[in-house]
PDB file of all heavy atoms in Angstrom:
ATOM      1  N   LEU A   1     217.841-162.317 -23.009  1.00  0.00           N
ATOM      2  CA  LEU A   1     216.961-163.023 -22.128  1.00  0.00           C
ATOM      3  C   LEU A   1     217.041-164.568 -22.412  1.00  0.00           C
ATOM      4  O   LEU A   1     217.488-164.867 -23.513  1.00  0.00           O
ATOM      5  CB  LEU A   1     215.548-162.486 -22.390  1.00  0.00           C
ATOM      6  CG  LEU A   1     215.342-161.052 -22.259  1.00  0.00           C
ATOM      7  CD1 LEU A   1     214.054-160.568 -22.935  1.00  0.00           C
ATOM      8  CD2 LEU A   1     215.253-160.681 -20.754  1.00  0.00           C
ATOM      9  N   PRO A   2     216.541-165.358 -21.525  1.00  0.00           N
ATOM     10  CA  PRO A   2     216.536-166.792 -21.736  1.00  0.00           C
ATOM     11  C   PRO A   2     215.877-167.143 -23.034  1.00  0.00           C
ATOM     12  O   PRO A   2     216.254-168.114 -23.774  1.00  0.00           O
ATOM     13  CB  PRO A   2     215.860-167.394 -20.496  1.00  0.00           C
ATOM     14  CG  PRO A   2     216.029-166.355 -19.447  1.00  0.00           C
ATOM     15  CD  PRO A   2     216.056-165.082 -20.159  1.00  0.00           C
ATOM     16  N   PHE A   3     214.727-166.453 -23.343  1.00  0.00           N
ATOM     17  CA  PHE A   3     213.948-166.907 -24.462  1.00  0.00           C
ATOM     18  C   PHE A   3     214.176-166.154 -25.761  1.00  0.00           C
ATOM     19  O   PHE A   3     213.544-166.254 -26.784  1.00  0.00           O
ATOM     20  CB  PHE A   3     212.466-166.765 -24.203  1.00  0.00           C
ATOM     21  CG  PHE A   3     212.064-165.702 -23.176  1.00  0.00           C
ATOM     22  CD1 PHE A   3     211.942-164.342 -23.595  1.00  0.00           C
ATOM     23  CD2 PHE A   3     211.911-166.076 -21.924  1.00  0.00           C
ATOM     24  CE1 PHE A   3     211.647-163.403 -22.637  1.00  0.00           C
ATOM     25  CE2 PHE A   3     211.579-165.140 -20.954  1.00  0.00           C
ATOM     26  CZ  PHE A   3     211.453-163.828 -21.304  1.00  0.00           C
ATOM     27  N   ASN A   4     215.403-165.259 -25.847  1.00  0.00           N
ATOM     28  CA  ASN A   4     215.699-164.714 -27.133  1.00  0.00           C
ATOM     29  C   ASN A   4     217.146-165.097 -27.512  1.00  0.00           C
ATOM     30  O   ASN A   4     217.673-164.632 -28.539  1.00  0.00           O
ATOM     31  CB  ASN A   4     215.609-163.199 -27.097  1.00  0.00           C
ATOM     32  CG  ASN A   4     216.520-162.455 -26.246  1.00  0.00           C
ATOM     33  OD1 ASN A   4     217.443-163.021 -25.674  1.00  0.00           O
ATOM     34  ND2 ASN A   4     216.355-161.170 -26.129  1.00  0.00           N
ATOM     35  N   ILE A   5     217.810-166.001 -26.773  1.00  0.00           N
ATOM     36  CA  ILE A   5     219.238-166.409 -27.153  1.00  0.00           C
ATOM     37  C   ILE A   5     219.266-166.938 -28.510  1.00  0.00           C
ATOM     38  O   ILE A   5     220.218-166.622 -29.283  1.00  0.00           O
ATOM     39  CB  ILE A   5     219.735-167.381 -26.141  1.00  0.00           C
ATOM     40  CG1 ILE A   5     219.881-166.750 -24.692  1.00  0.00           C
ATOM     41  CG2 ILE A   5     221.069-168.014 -26.584  1.00  0.00           C
ATOM     42  CD1 ILE A   5     220.316-167.687 -23.643  1.00  0.00           C
ATOM     43  N   GLY A   6     218.332-167.682 -28.997  1.00  0.00           N
ATOM     44  CA  GLY A   6     218.290-168.238 -30.306  1.00  0.00           C
ATOM     45  C   GLY A   6     218.074-167.210 -31.398  1.00  0.00           C
ATOM     46  O   GLY A   6     218.460-167.444 -32.588  1.00  0.00           O
ATOM     47  N   ASP A   7     217.779-166.003 -31.027  1.00  0.00           N
ATOM     48  CA  ASP A   7     217.490-164.869 -32.001  1.00  0.00           C
ATOM     49  C   ASP A   7     218.781-163.940 -32.156  1.00  0.00           C
ATOM     50  O   ASP A   7     218.887-163.183 -32.985  1.00  0.00           O
ATOM     51  CB  ASP A   7     216.402-163.959 -31.568  1.00  0.00           C
ATOM     52  CG  ASP A   7     215.090-164.675 -31.817  1.00  0.00           C
ATOM     53  OD1 ASP A   7     215.017-165.902 -32.189  1.00  0.00           O
ATOM     54  OD2 ASP A   7     214.005-163.987 -31.683  1.00  0.00           O
ATOM     55  N   LEU A   8     219.719-164.076 -31.242  1.00  0.00           N
ATOM     56  CA  LEU A   8     220.733-163.094 -31.123  1.00  0.00           C
ATOM     57  C   LEU A   8     221.638-163.008 -32.414  1.00  0.00           C
ATOM     58  O   LEU A   8     221.936-161.936 -32.861  1.00  0.00           O
ATOM     59  CB  LEU A   8     221.652-163.367 -29.941  1.00  0.00           C
ATOM     60  CG  LEU A   8     220.953-163.305 -28.595  1.00  0.00           C
ATOM     61  CD1 LEU A   8     221.872-163.516 -27.404  1.00  0.00           C
ATOM     62  CD2 LEU A   8     220.143-162.009 -28.348  1.00  0.00           C
ATOM     63  N   ALA A   9     222.092-164.133 -32.974  1.00  0.00           N
ATOM     64  CA  ALA A   9     222.876-164.146 -34.186  1.00  0.00           C
ATOM     65  C   ALA A   9     222.101-163.542 -35.322  1.00  0.00           C
ATOM     66  O   ALA A   9     222.558-162.785 -36.110  1.00  0.00           O
ATOM     67  CB  ALA A   9     223.319-165.563 -34.479  1.00  0.00           C
ATOM     68  N   ARG A  10     220.768-163.878 -35.418  1.00  0.00           N
ATOM     69  CA  ARG A  10     219.908-163.356 -36.468  1.00  0.00           C
ATOM     70  C   ARG A  10     219.775-161.851 -36.303  1.00  0.00           C
ATOM     71  O   ARG A  10     219.720-161.068 -37.272  1.00  0.00           O
ATOM     72  CB  ARG A  10     218.564-163.993 -36.549  1.00  0.00           C
ATOM     73  CG  ARG A  10     217.689-163.537 -37.709  1.00  0.00           C
ATOM     74  CD  ARG A  10     218.259-163.905 -39.003  1.00  0.00           C
ATOM     75  NE  ARG A  10     217.530-163.364 -40.113  1.00  0.00           N
ATOM     76  CZ  ARG A  10     217.792-162.172 -40.709  1.00  0.00           C
ATOM     77  NH1 ARG A  10     218.815-161.432 -40.231  1.00  0.00           N
ATOM     78  NH2 ARG A  10     217.127-161.710 -41.702  1.00  0.00           N
ATOM     79  N   LEU A  11     219.593-161.351 -35.099  1.00  0.00           N
ATOM     80  CA  LEU A  11     219.512-159.937 -34.787  1.00  0.00           C
ATOM     81  C   LEU A  11     220.815-159.226 -35.196  1.00  0.00           C
ATOM     82  O   LEU A  11     220.750-158.095 -35.775  1.00  0.00           O
ATOM     83  CB  LEU A  11     219.199-159.760 -33.309  1.00  0.00           C
ATOM     84  CG  LEU A  11     217.668-159.875 -32.868  1.00  0.00           C
ATOM     85  CD1 LEU A  11     217.651-159.765 -31.371  1.00  0.00           C
ATOM     86  CD2 LEU A  11     216.801-158.833 -33.555  1.00  0.00           C
ATOM     87  N   SER A  12     221.848-159.811 -34.901  1.00  0.00           N
ATOM     88  CA  SER A  12     223.169-159.263 -35.252  1.00  0.00           C
ATOM     89  C   SER A  12     223.272-159.114 -36.802  1.00  0.00           C
ATOM     90  O   SER A  12     223.736-158.085 -37.340  1.00  0.00           O
ATOM     91  CB  SER A  12     224.340-160.130 -34.812  1.00  0.00           C
ATOM     92  OG  SER A  12     225.587-159.582 -35.207  1.00  0.00           O
ATOM     93  N   GLU A  13     222.843-160.110 -37.556  1.00  0.00           N
ATOM     94  CA  GLU A  13     222.803-160.044 -38.981  1.00  0.00           C
ATOM     95  C   GLU A  13     221.808-158.923 -39.451  1.00  0.00           C
ATOM     96  O   GLU A  13     222.166-158.163 -40.422  1.00  0.00           O
ATOM     97  CB  GLU A  13     222.372-161.432 -39.590  1.00  0.00           C
ATOM     98  CG  GLU A  13     222.358-161.510 -41.082  1.00  0.00           C
ATOM     99  CD  GLU A  13     221.892-162.870 -41.534  1.00  0.00           C
ATOM    100  OE1 GLU A  13     221.840-163.806 -40.780  1.00  0.00           O
ATOM    101  OE2 GLU A  13     221.595-162.992 -42.749  1.00  0.00           O
ATOM    102  N   PHE A  14     220.658-158.846 -38.796  1.00  0.00           N
ATOM    103  CA  PHE A  14     219.721-157.836 -39.159  1.00  0.00           C
ATOM    104  C   PHE A  14     220.321-156.405 -38.962  1.00  0.00           C
ATOM    105  O   PHE A  14     220.131-155.567 -39.835  1.00  0.00           O
ATOM    106  CB  PHE A  14     218.451-158.014 -38.276  1.00  0.00           C
ATOM    107  CG  PHE A  14     217.453-156.891 -38.494  1.00  0.00           C
ATOM    108  CD1 PHE A  14     216.552-156.906 -39.460  1.00  0.00           C
ATOM    109  CD2 PHE A  14     217.282-155.890 -37.527  1.00  0.00           C
ATOM    110  CE1 PHE A  14     215.598-155.915 -39.650  1.00  0.00           C
ATOM    111  CE2 PHE A  14     216.375-154.909 -37.611  1.00  0.00           C
ATOM    112  CZ  PHE A  14     215.512-154.864 -38.678  1.00  0.00           C
ATOM    113  N   GLY A  15     221.022-156.280 -37.883  1.00  0.00           N
ATOM    114  CA  GLY A  15     221.705-154.964 -37.679  1.00  0.00           C
ATOM    115  C   GLY A  15     222.712-154.655 -38.755  1.00  0.00           C
ATOM    116  O   GLY A  15     222.770-153.461 -39.204  1.00  0.00           O
ATOM    117  N   ARG A  16     223.459-155.656 -39.161  1.00  0.00           N
ATOM    118  CA  ARG A  16     224.444-155.502 -40.253  1.00  0.00           C
ATOM    119  C   ARG A  16     223.679-155.108 -41.512  1.00  0.00           C
ATOM    120  O   ARG A  16     224.137-154.230 -42.216  1.00  0.00           O
ATOM    121  CB  ARG A  16     225.285-156.749 -40.448  1.00  0.00           C
ATOM    122  CG  ARG A  16     226.514-156.663 -41.171  1.00  0.00           C
ATOM    123  CD  ARG A  16     227.216-157.997 -41.353  1.00  0.00           C
ATOM    124  NE  ARG A  16     227.292-158.718 -40.051  1.00  0.00           N
ATOM    125  CZ  ARG A  16     226.756-159.933 -39.975  1.00  0.00           C
ATOM    126  NH1 ARG A  16     226.133-160.539 -40.947  1.00  0.00           N
ATOM    127  NH2 ARG A  16     226.813-160.560 -38.773  1.00  0.00           N
ATOM    128  N   GLU A  17     222.647-155.746 -41.809  1.00  0.00           N
ATOM    129  CA  GLU A  17     221.915-155.480 -43.062  1.00  0.00           C
ATOM    130  C   GLU A  17     221.371-154.088 -43.081  1.00  0.00           C
ATOM    131  O   GLU A  17     221.247-153.377 -44.084  1.00  0.00           O
ATOM    132  CB  GLU A  17     220.740-156.490 -43.225  1.00  0.00           C
ATOM    133  CG  GLU A  17     221.164-157.895 -43.500  1.00  0.00           C
ATOM    134  CD  GLU A  17     220.055-158.855 -43.354  1.00  0.00           C
ATOM    135  OE1 GLU A  17     218.988-158.490 -42.940  1.00  0.00           O
ATOM    136  OE2 GLU A  17     220.294-160.117 -43.639  1.00  0.00           O
ATOM    137  N   GLN A  18     220.900-153.680 -41.859  1.00  0.00           N
ATOM    138  CA  GLN A  18     220.211-152.304 -41.739  1.00  0.00           C
ATOM    139  C   GLN A  18     221.271-151.166 -41.519  1.00  0.00           C
ATOM    140  O   GLN A  18     220.904-150.031 -41.485  1.00  0.00           O
ATOM    141  CB  GLN A  18     219.266-152.363 -40.601  1.00  0.00           C
ATOM    142  CG  GLN A  18     218.097-153.206 -40.761  1.00  0.00           C
ATOM    143  CD  GLN A  18     217.150-152.707 -41.839  1.00  0.00           C
ATOM    144  OE1 GLN A  18     216.909-151.549 -41.924  1.00  0.00           O
ATOM    145  NE2 GLN A  18     216.616-153.646 -42.658  1.00  0.00           N
ATOM    146  N   GLY A  19     222.549-151.509 -41.333  1.00  0.00           N
ATOM    147  CA  GLY A  19     223.535-150.500 -40.946  1.00  0.00           C
ATOM    148  C   GLY A  19     223.178-149.909 -39.510  1.00  0.00           C
ATOM    149  O   GLY A  19     223.379-148.668 -39.313  1.00  0.00           O
ATOM    150  N   LEU A  20     222.701-150.813 -38.638  1.00  0.00           N
ATOM    151  CA  LEU A  20     222.214-150.328 -37.399  1.00  0.00           C
ATOM    152  C   LEU A  20     222.982-150.984 -36.260  1.00  0.00           C
ATOM    153  O   LEU A  20     222.972-152.196 -36.055  1.00  0.00           O
ATOM    154  CB  LEU A  20     220.715-150.845 -37.232  1.00  0.00           C
ATOM    155  CG  LEU A  20     220.024-150.481 -35.960  1.00  0.00           C
ATOM    156  CD1 LEU A  20     219.614-149.012 -35.960  1.00  0.00           C
ATOM    157  CD2 LEU A  20     218.772-151.370 -35.791  1.00  0.00           C
ATOM    158  N   PRO A  21     223.772-150.142 -35.521  1.00  0.00           N
ATOM    159  CA  PRO A  21     224.561-150.762 -34.414  1.00  0.00           C
ATOM    160  C   PRO A  21     223.574-151.248 -33.317  1.00  0.00           C
ATOM    161  O   PRO A  21     222.542-150.604 -33.042  1.00  0.00           O
ATOM    162  CB  PRO A  21     225.377-149.447 -33.904  1.00  0.00           C
ATOM    163  CG  PRO A  21     225.327-148.463 -34.949  1.00  0.00           C
ATOM    164  CD  PRO A  21     224.007-148.704 -35.737  1.00  0.00           C
ATOM    165  N   ILE A  22     223.919-152.485 -32.858  1.00  0.00           N
ATOM    166  CA  ILE A  22     223.080-153.073 -31.797  1.00  0.00           C
ATOM    167  C   ILE A  22     223.892-153.353 -30.591  1.00  0.00           C
ATOM    168  O   ILE A  22     224.916-154.075 -30.713  1.00  0.00           O
ATOM    169  CB  ILE A  22     222.355-154.299 -32.255  1.00  0.00           C
ATOM    170  CG1 ILE A  22     221.497-154.070 -33.464  1.00  0.00           C
ATOM    171  CG2 ILE A  22     221.533-154.933 -31.152  1.00  0.00           C
ATOM    172  CD1 ILE A  22     220.780-155.348 -34.021  1.00  0.00           C
ATOM    173  N   ASN A  23     223.554-152.735 -29.428  1.00  0.00           N
ATOM    174  CA  ASN A  23     224.162-153.052 -28.176  1.00  0.00           C
ATOM    175  C   ASN A  23     223.420-154.224 -27.527  1.00  0.00           C
ATOM    176  O   ASN A  23     222.203-154.141 -27.326  1.00  0.00           O
ATOM    177  CB  ASN A  23     224.137-151.845 -27.281  1.00  0.00           C
ATOM    178  CG  ASN A  23     225.123-150.777 -27.605  1.00  0.00           C
ATOM    179  OD1 ASN A  23     226.377-151.023 -27.556  1.00  0.00           O
ATOM    180  ND2 ASN A  23     224.644-149.717 -28.070  1.00  0.00           N
ATOM    181  N   PHE A  24     224.147-155.297 -27.238  1.00  0.00           N
ATOM    182  CA  PHE A  24     223.548-156.509 -26.573  1.00  0.00           C
ATOM    183  C   PHE A  24     223.815-156.367 -25.089  1.00  0.00           C
ATOM    184  O   PHE A  24     225.013-156.370 -24.752  1.00  0.00           O
ATOM    185  CB  PHE A  24     224.041-157.751 -27.183  1.00  0.00           C
ATOM    186  CG  PHE A  24     223.579-158.055 -28.582  1.00  0.00           C
ATOM    187  CD1 PHE A  24     224.283-157.528 -29.635  1.00  0.00           C
ATOM    188  CD2 PHE A  24     222.454-158.721 -28.832  1.00  0.00           C
ATOM    189  CE1 PHE A  24     223.888-157.813 -30.926  1.00  0.00           C
ATOM    190  CE2 PHE A  24     221.986-158.989 -30.130  1.00  0.00           C
ATOM    191  CZ  PHE A  24     222.716-158.503 -31.214  1.00  0.00           C
ATOM    192  N   VAL A  25     222.861-156.208 -24.272  1.00  0.00           N
ATOM    193  CA  VAL A  25     223.072-156.023 -22.852  1.00  0.00           C
ATOM    194  C   VAL A  25     222.307-157.142 -22.097  1.00  0.00           C
ATOM    195  O   VAL A  25     221.198-157.527 -22.485  1.00  0.00           O
ATOM    196  CB  VAL A  25     222.655-154.651 -22.347  1.00  0.00           C
ATOM    197  CG1 VAL A  25     223.541-153.664 -23.056  1.00  0.00           C
ATOM    198  CG2 VAL A  25     221.239-154.424 -22.535  1.00  0.00           C
ATOM    199  N   PRO A  26     222.838-157.678 -21.035  1.00  0.00           N
ATOM    200  CA  PRO A  26     222.068-158.642 -20.193  1.00  0.00           C
ATOM    201  C   PRO A  26     221.053-157.900 -19.363  1.00  0.00           C
ATOM    202  O   PRO A  26     221.151-156.747 -19.125  1.00  0.00           O
ATOM    203  CB  PRO A  26     223.127-159.274 -19.272  1.00  0.00           C
ATOM    204  CG  PRO A  26     224.165-158.199 -19.140  1.00  0.00           C
ATOM    205  CD  PRO A  26     224.114-157.421 -20.400  1.00  0.00           C
ATOM    206  N   MET A  27     219.976-158.597 -18.974  1.00  0.00           N
ATOM    207  CA  MET A  27     219.010-158.009 -18.061  1.00  0.00           C
ATOM    208  C   MET A  27     219.789-157.604 -16.791  1.00  0.00           C
ATOM    209  O   MET A  27     220.592-158.439 -16.308  1.00  0.00           O
ATOM    210  CB  MET A  27     217.935-159.084 -17.701  1.00  0.00           C
ATOM    211  CG  MET A  27     216.725-158.530 -17.028  1.00  0.00           C
ATOM    212  SD  MET A  27     215.539-159.829 -16.710  1.00  0.00           S
ATOM    213  CE  MET A  27     214.016-158.794 -16.935  1.00  0.00           C
ATOM    214  N   ASN A  28     219.504-156.397 -16.319  1.00  0.00           N
ATOM    215  CA  ASN A  28     220.330-155.933 -15.173  1.00  0.00           C
ATOM    216  C   ASN A  28     220.184-156.786 -13.952  1.00  0.00           C
ATOM    217  O   ASN A  28     219.158-157.428 -13.779  1.00  0.00           O
ATOM    218  CB  ASN A  28     220.060-154.459 -14.845  1.00  0.00           C
ATOM    219  CG  ASN A  28     218.617-154.263 -14.292  1.00  0.00           C
ATOM    220  OD1 ASN A  28     218.316-154.756 -13.159  1.00  0.00           O
ATOM    221  ND2 ASN A  28     217.723-153.614 -15.025  1.00  0.00           N
ATOM    222  N   SER A  29     221.202-156.760 -13.093  1.00  0.00           N
ATOM    223  CA  SER A  29     221.218-157.720 -11.934  1.00  0.00           C
ATOM    224  C   SER A  29     220.055-157.424 -11.022  1.00  0.00           C
ATOM    225  O   SER A  29     219.576-158.317 -10.469  1.00  0.00           O
ATOM    226  CB  SER A  29     222.526-157.527 -11.277  1.00  0.00           C
ATOM    227  OG  SER A  29     223.280-156.432 -11.557  1.00  0.00           O
ATOM    228  N   GLY A  30     219.584-156.233 -11.093  1.00  0.00           N
ATOM    229  CA  GLY A  30     218.477-155.962 -10.178  1.00  0.00           C
ATOM    230  C   GLY A  30     217.187-156.667 -10.725  1.00  0.00           C
ATOM    231  O   GLY A  30     216.257-156.813  -9.979  1.00  0.00           O
ATOM    232  N   GLY A  31     217.198-157.040 -12.002  1.00  0.00           N
ATOM    233  CA  GLY A  31     216.094-157.690 -12.602  1.00  0.00           C
ATOM    234  C   GLY A  31     216.074-159.239 -12.340  1.00  0.00           C
ATOM    235  O   GLY A  31     215.194-159.920 -12.848  1.00  0.00           O
ATOM    236  N   GLY A  32     217.125-159.717 -11.759  1.00  0.00           N
ATOM    237  CA  GLY A  32     217.181-161.141 -11.489  1.00  0.00           C
ATOM    238  C   GLY A  32     217.972-162.008 -12.463  1.00  0.00           C
ATOM    239  O   GLY A  32     217.961-163.225 -12.303  1.00  0.00           O
ATOM    240  N   LEU A  33     218.626-161.402 -13.380  1.00  0.00           N
ATOM    241  CA  LEU A  33     219.434-162.240 -14.356  1.00  0.00           C
ATOM    242  C   LEU A  33     220.786-162.528 -13.692  1.00  0.00           C
ATOM    243  O   LEU A  33     221.793-161.934 -13.981  1.00  0.00           O
ATOM    244  CB  LEU A  33     219.609-161.572 -15.667  1.00  0.00           C
ATOM    245  CG  LEU A  33     220.317-162.418 -16.745  1.00  0.00           C
ATOM    246  CD1 LEU A  33     219.572-163.643 -17.066  1.00  0.00           C
ATOM    247  CD2 LEU A  33     220.556-161.598 -17.971  1.00  0.00           C
ATOM    248  N   ASP A  34     220.813-163.436 -12.690  1.00  0.00           N
ATOM    249  CA  ASP A  34     221.930-163.781 -11.993  1.00  0.00           C
ATOM    250  C   ASP A  34     222.524-165.126 -12.498  1.00  0.00           C
ATOM    251  O   ASP A  34     222.137-166.120 -11.993  1.00  0.00           O
ATOM    252  CB  ASP A  34     221.635-163.851 -10.536  1.00  0.00           C
ATOM    253  CG  ASP A  34     222.812-164.137  -9.534  1.00  0.00           C
ATOM    254  OD1 ASP A  34     223.845-164.418 -10.165  1.00  0.00           O
ATOM    255  OD2 ASP A  34     222.655-164.166  -8.421  1.00  0.00           O
ATOM    256  N   LEU A  35     223.375-164.999 -13.453  1.00  0.00           N
ATOM    257  CA  LEU A  35     223.914-166.236 -14.073  1.00  0.00           C
ATOM    258  C   LEU A  35     224.732-167.036 -13.184  1.00  0.00           C
ATOM    259  O   LEU A  35     224.904-168.255 -13.383  1.00  0.00           O
ATOM    260  CB  LEU A  35     224.607-165.995 -15.363  1.00  0.00           C
ATOM    261  CG  LEU A  35     223.803-165.283 -16.448  1.00  0.00           C
ATOM    262  CD1 LEU A  35     224.507-165.372 -17.760  1.00  0.00           C
ATOM    263  CD2 LEU A  35     222.390-165.909 -16.583  1.00  0.00           C
ATOM    264  N   GLY A  36     225.345-166.435 -12.114  1.00  0.00           N
ATOM    265  CA  GLY A  36     226.162-167.159 -11.231  1.00  0.00           C
ATOM    266  C   GLY A  36     225.266-168.149 -10.511  1.00  0.00           C
ATOM    267  O   GLY A  36     225.575-169.359 -10.447  1.00  0.00           O
ATOM    268  N   SER A  37     224.060-167.786 -10.084  1.00  0.00           N
ATOM    269  CA  SER A  37     223.102-168.725  -9.462  1.00  0.00           C
ATOM    270  C   SER A  37     222.624-169.679 -10.485  1.00  0.00           C
ATOM    271  O   SER A  37     222.445-170.874 -10.155  1.00  0.00           O
ATOM    272  CB  SER A  37     221.951-167.946  -8.893  1.00  0.00           C
ATOM    273  OG  SER A  37     222.385-166.972  -7.918  1.00  0.00           O
ATOM    274  N   ALA A  38     222.418-169.210 -11.713  1.00  0.00           N
ATOM    275  CA  ALA A  38     221.916-170.167 -12.738  1.00  0.00           C
ATOM    276  C   ALA A  38     222.881-171.250 -12.990  1.00  0.00           C
ATOM    277  O   ALA A  38     222.494-172.434 -13.258  1.00  0.00           O
ATOM    278  CB  ALA A  38     221.624-169.303 -14.010  1.00  0.00           C
ATOM    279  N   VAL A  39     224.160-170.940 -13.067  1.00  0.00           N
ATOM    280  CA  VAL A  39     225.207-171.957 -13.274  1.00  0.00           C
ATOM    281  C   VAL A  39     225.089-173.061 -12.220  1.00  0.00           C
ATOM    282  O   VAL A  39     225.241-174.176 -12.416  1.00  0.00           O
ATOM    283  CB  VAL A  39     226.571-171.341 -13.394  1.00  0.00           C
ATOM    284  CG1 VAL A  39     227.681-172.508 -13.423  1.00  0.00           C
ATOM    285  CG2 VAL A  39     226.694-170.528 -14.647  1.00  0.00           C
ATOM    286  N   ASP A  40     224.992-172.555 -10.899  1.00  0.00           N
ATOM    287  CA  ASP A  40     225.045-173.529  -9.779  1.00  0.00           C
ATOM    288  C   ASP A  40     223.658-174.312  -9.710  1.00  0.00           C
ATOM    289  O   ASP A  40     223.771-175.544  -9.473  1.00  0.00           O
ATOM    290  CB  ASP A  40     225.192-172.736  -8.473  1.00  0.00           C
ATOM    291  CG  ASP A  40     226.592-172.040  -8.396  1.00  0.00           C
ATOM    292  OD1 ASP A  40     227.414-172.567  -9.089  1.00  0.00           O
ATOM    293  OD2 ASP A  40     226.760-171.094  -7.760  1.00  0.00           O
ATOM    294  N   ASP A  41     222.592-173.592  -9.841  1.00  0.00           N
ATOM    295  CA  ASP A  41     221.274-174.238  -9.591  1.00  0.00           C
ATOM    296  C   ASP A  41     220.535-174.707 -10.881  1.00  0.00           C
ATOM    297  O   ASP A  41     219.538-175.381 -10.781  1.00  0.00           O
ATOM    298  CB  ASP A  41     220.367-173.298  -8.858  1.00  0.00           C
ATOM    299  CG  ASP A  41     221.060-172.712  -7.566  1.00  0.00           C
ATOM    300  OD1 ASP A  41     221.872-173.471  -7.022  1.00  0.00           O
ATOM    301  OD2 ASP A  41     220.747-171.622  -7.224  1.00  0.00           O
ATOM    302  N   ALA A  42     221.149-174.265 -12.002  1.00  0.00           N
ATOM    303  CA  ALA A  42     220.431-174.594 -13.292  1.00  0.00           C
ATOM    304  C   ALA A  42     218.936-174.228 -13.201  1.00  0.00           C
ATOM    305  O   ALA A  42     218.089-174.854 -13.739  1.00  0.00           O
ATOM    306  CB  ALA A  42     220.543-176.079 -13.621  1.00  0.00           C
TER     307      ALA A  42
END
């Protein structure tokens, strides 16, 4: 999400520490995370 990007590396480290696989997935397109539009319109 826009407001958790700064946490992603720390979450990855947390998963490594915990032995916990973490799947990172974007908000589905039906939910409005359309980065193509974001790149054009900021």
